[in-house]
């Protein structure tokens, strides 16, 4: 089993710290761009959904009078019998 040298551990810590700050700096630069793209994508999706709902609503408005002309028939199952418990 090999022992880690002090300089190796120190180099690893420096690399981790440098990577952390570089990542943090890049995210500050890229985060507004990424958020803007995400918002645009969400807006497009919402607009598409709204358009689909409007189309469905308009189709249902034209179909409702035809559906209302036919009354629904109720099925007659039979007579209702109320049972009482006898003690």
C-alpha atoms as a PDB file:
ATOM      1  CA  UNK A   1       0.000   0.000   0.000  1.00  0.00           C
ATOM      2  CA  UNK A   2       1.417   3.347  -1.035  1.00  0.00           C
ATOM      3  CA  UNK A   3       1.276   6.473   1.046  1.00  0.00           C
ATOM      4  CA  UNK A   4       0.075   9.654  -0.601  1.00  0.00           C
ATOM      5  CA  UNK A   5       2.698  12.361  -0.650  1.00  0.00           C
ATOM      6  CA  UNK A   6       2.001  15.738   0.879  1.00  0.00           C
ATOM      7  CA  UNK A   7       2.584  17.509  -2.448  1.00  0.00           C
ATOM      8  CA  UNK A   8       0.138  15.163  -4.214  1.00  0.00           C
ATOM      9  CA  UNK A   9      -2.595  15.882  -1.680  1.00  0.00           C
ATOM     10  CA  UNK A  10      -1.857  19.608  -1.907  1.00  0.00           C
ATOM     11  CA  UNK A  11      -2.027  19.535  -5.727  1.00  0.00           C
ATOM     12  CA  UNK A  12      -5.346  17.692  -5.591  1.00  0.00           C
ATOM     13  CA  UNK A  13      -6.812  20.263  -3.192  1.00  0.00           C
ATOM     14  CA  UNK A  14      -5.597  23.133  -5.403  1.00  0.00           C
ATOM     15  CA  UNK A  15      -7.154  21.502  -8.481  1.00  0.00           C
ATOM     16  CA  UNK A  16     -10.457  21.011  -6.682  1.00  0.00           C
ATOM     17  CA  UNK A  17     -10.505  24.619  -5.496  1.00  0.00           C
ATOM     18  CA  UNK A  18      -9.574  25.936  -8.963  1.00  0.00           C
ATOM     19  CA  UNK A  19     -12.241  23.796 -10.596  1.00  0.00           C
ATOM     20  CA  UNK A  20     -14.840  25.037  -8.103  1.00  0.00           C
ATOM     21  CA  UNK A  21     -14.080  28.725  -8.740  1.00  0.00           C
ATOM     22  CA  UNK A  22     -13.844  28.236 -12.523  1.00  0.00           C
ATOM     23  CA  UNK A  23     -17.224  26.479 -12.509  1.00  0.00           C
ATOM     24  CA  UNK A  24     -18.725  29.217 -10.342  1.00  0.00           C
ATOM     25  CA  UNK A  25     -17.367  31.928 -12.683  1.00  0.00           C
ATOM     26  CA  UNK A  26     -18.629  30.177 -15.810  1.00  0.00           C
ATOM     27  CA  UNK A  27     -22.073  29.669 -14.315  1.00  0.00           C
ATOM     28  CA  UNK A  28     -22.306  33.386 -13.574  1.00  0.00           C
ATOM     29  CA  UNK A  29     -21.641  34.072 -17.226  1.00  0.00           C
ATOM     30  CA  UNK A  30     -23.803  31.298 -18.676  1.00  0.00           C
ATOM     31  CA  UNK A  31     -26.720  31.209 -16.219  1.00  0.00           C
ATOM     32  CA  UNK A  32     -28.606  34.219 -17.677  1.00  0.00           C
ATOM     33  CA  UNK A  33     -28.311  32.780 -21.177  1.00  0.00           C
ATOM     34  CA  UNK A  34     -29.481  29.333 -20.051  1.00  0.00           C
ATOM     35  CA  UNK A  35     -32.378  30.789 -18.053  1.00  0.00           C
ATOM     36  CA  UNK A  36     -33.471  32.920 -21.014  1.00  0.00           C
ATOM     37  CA  UNK A  37     -33.471  29.873 -23.288  1.00  0.00           C
ATOM     38  CA  UNK A  38     -35.445  27.847 -20.744  1.00  0.00           C
ATOM     39  CA  UNK A  39     -38.027  30.630 -20.379  1.00  0.00           C
ATOM     40  CA  UNK A  40     -38.439  30.947 -24.152  1.00  0.00           C
ATOM     41  CA  UNK A  41     -38.963  27.204 -24.437  1.00  0.00           C
ATOM     42  CA  UNK A  42     -41.578  27.263 -21.654  1.00  0.00           C
ATOM     43  CA  UNK A  43     -43.376  30.197 -23.300  1.00  0.00           C
ATOM     44  CA  UNK A  44     -43.521  28.370 -26.628  1.00  0.00           C
ATOM     45  CA  UNK A  45     -44.878  25.249 -24.951  1.00  0.00           C
ATOM     46  CA  UNK A  46     -47.525  27.234 -23.059  1.00  0.00           C
ATOM     47  CA  UNK A  47     -48.576  29.080 -26.221  1.00  0.00           C
ATOM     48  CA  UNK A  48     -48.912  25.779 -28.054  1.00  0.00           C
ATOM     49  CA  UNK A  49     -51.035  24.306 -25.259  1.00  0.00           C
ATOM     50  CA  UNK A  50     -53.243  27.412 -25.180  1.00  0.00           C
ATOM     51  CA  UNK A  51     -53.737  27.215 -28.941  1.00  0.00           C
ATOM     52  CA  UNK A  52     -54.749  23.540 -28.670  1.00  0.00           C
ATOM     53  CA  UNK A  53     -57.220  24.334 -25.881  1.00  0.00           C
ATOM     54  CA  UNK A  54     -58.784  27.125 -27.938  1.00  0.00           C
ATOM     55  CA  UNK A  55     -59.203  24.748 -30.869  1.00  0.00           C
ATOM     56  CA  UNK A  56     -60.861  22.125 -28.653  1.00  0.00           C
ATOM     57  CA  UNK A  57     -63.151  24.753 -27.129  1.00  0.00           C
ATOM     58  CA  UNK A  58     -64.209  26.019 -30.551  1.00  0.00           C
ATOM     59  CA  UNK A  59     -64.838  22.468 -31.777  1.00  0.00           C
ATOM     60  CA  UNK A  60     -66.953  21.728 -28.698  1.00  0.00           C
ATOM     61  CA  UNK A  61     -69.029  24.879 -29.234  1.00  0.00           C
ATOM     62  CA  UNK A  62     -70.003  23.725 -32.700  1.00  0.00           C
ATOM     63  CA  UNK A  63     -70.764  20.190 -31.562  1.00  0.00           C
ATOM     64  CA  UNK A  64     -72.835  21.007 -28.461  1.00  0.00           C
ATOM     65  CA  UNK A  65     -76.161  21.839 -30.189  1.00  0.00           C
ATOM     66  CA  UNK A  66     -76.136  18.487 -31.997  1.00  0.00           C
ATOM     67  CA  UNK A  67     -75.487  16.649 -28.752  1.00  0.00           C
ATOM     68  CA  UNK A  68     -78.222  18.531 -26.904  1.00  0.00           C
ATOM     69  CA  UNK A  69     -80.838  17.609 -29.523  1.00  0.00           C
ATOM     70  CA  UNK A  70     -80.674  13.947 -28.503  1.00  0.00           C
ATOM     71  CA  UNK A  71     -81.883  13.453 -24.933  1.00  0.00           C
ATOM     72  CA  UNK A  72     -80.265  10.627 -23.058  1.00  0.00           C
ATOM     73  CA  UNK A  73     -82.564   7.754 -22.246  1.00  0.00           C
ATOM     74  CA  UNK A  74     -82.540   6.434 -18.738  1.00  0.00           C
ATOM     75  CA  UNK A  75     -82.452   2.697 -18.350  1.00  0.00           C
ATOM     76  CA  UNK A  76     -85.226   1.255 -16.275  1.00  0.00           C
ATOM     77  CA  UNK A  77     -83.577  -1.404 -14.191  1.00  0.00           C
ATOM     78  CA  UNK A  78     -86.557  -2.381 -12.128  1.00  0.00           C
ATOM     79  CA  UNK A  79     -88.346  -1.692  -8.927  1.00  0.00           C
ATOM     80  CA  UNK A  80     -86.474  -0.506  -5.824  1.00  0.00           C
ATOM     81  CA  UNK A  81     -87.053  -2.693  -2.792  1.00  0.00           C
ATOM     82  CA  UNK A  82     -86.134  -1.492   0.680  1.00  0.00           C
ATOM     83  CA  UNK A  83     -85.212  -4.369   2.971  1.00  0.00           C
ATOM     84  CA  UNK A  84     -85.589  -4.091   6.713  1.00  0.00           C
ATOM     85  CA  UNK A  85     -83.605  -6.090   9.239  1.00  0.00           C
ATOM     86  CA  UNK A  86     -85.641  -8.447  11.410  1.00  0.00           C
ATOM     87  CA  UNK A  87     -84.266  -9.196  14.846  1.00  0.00           C
END
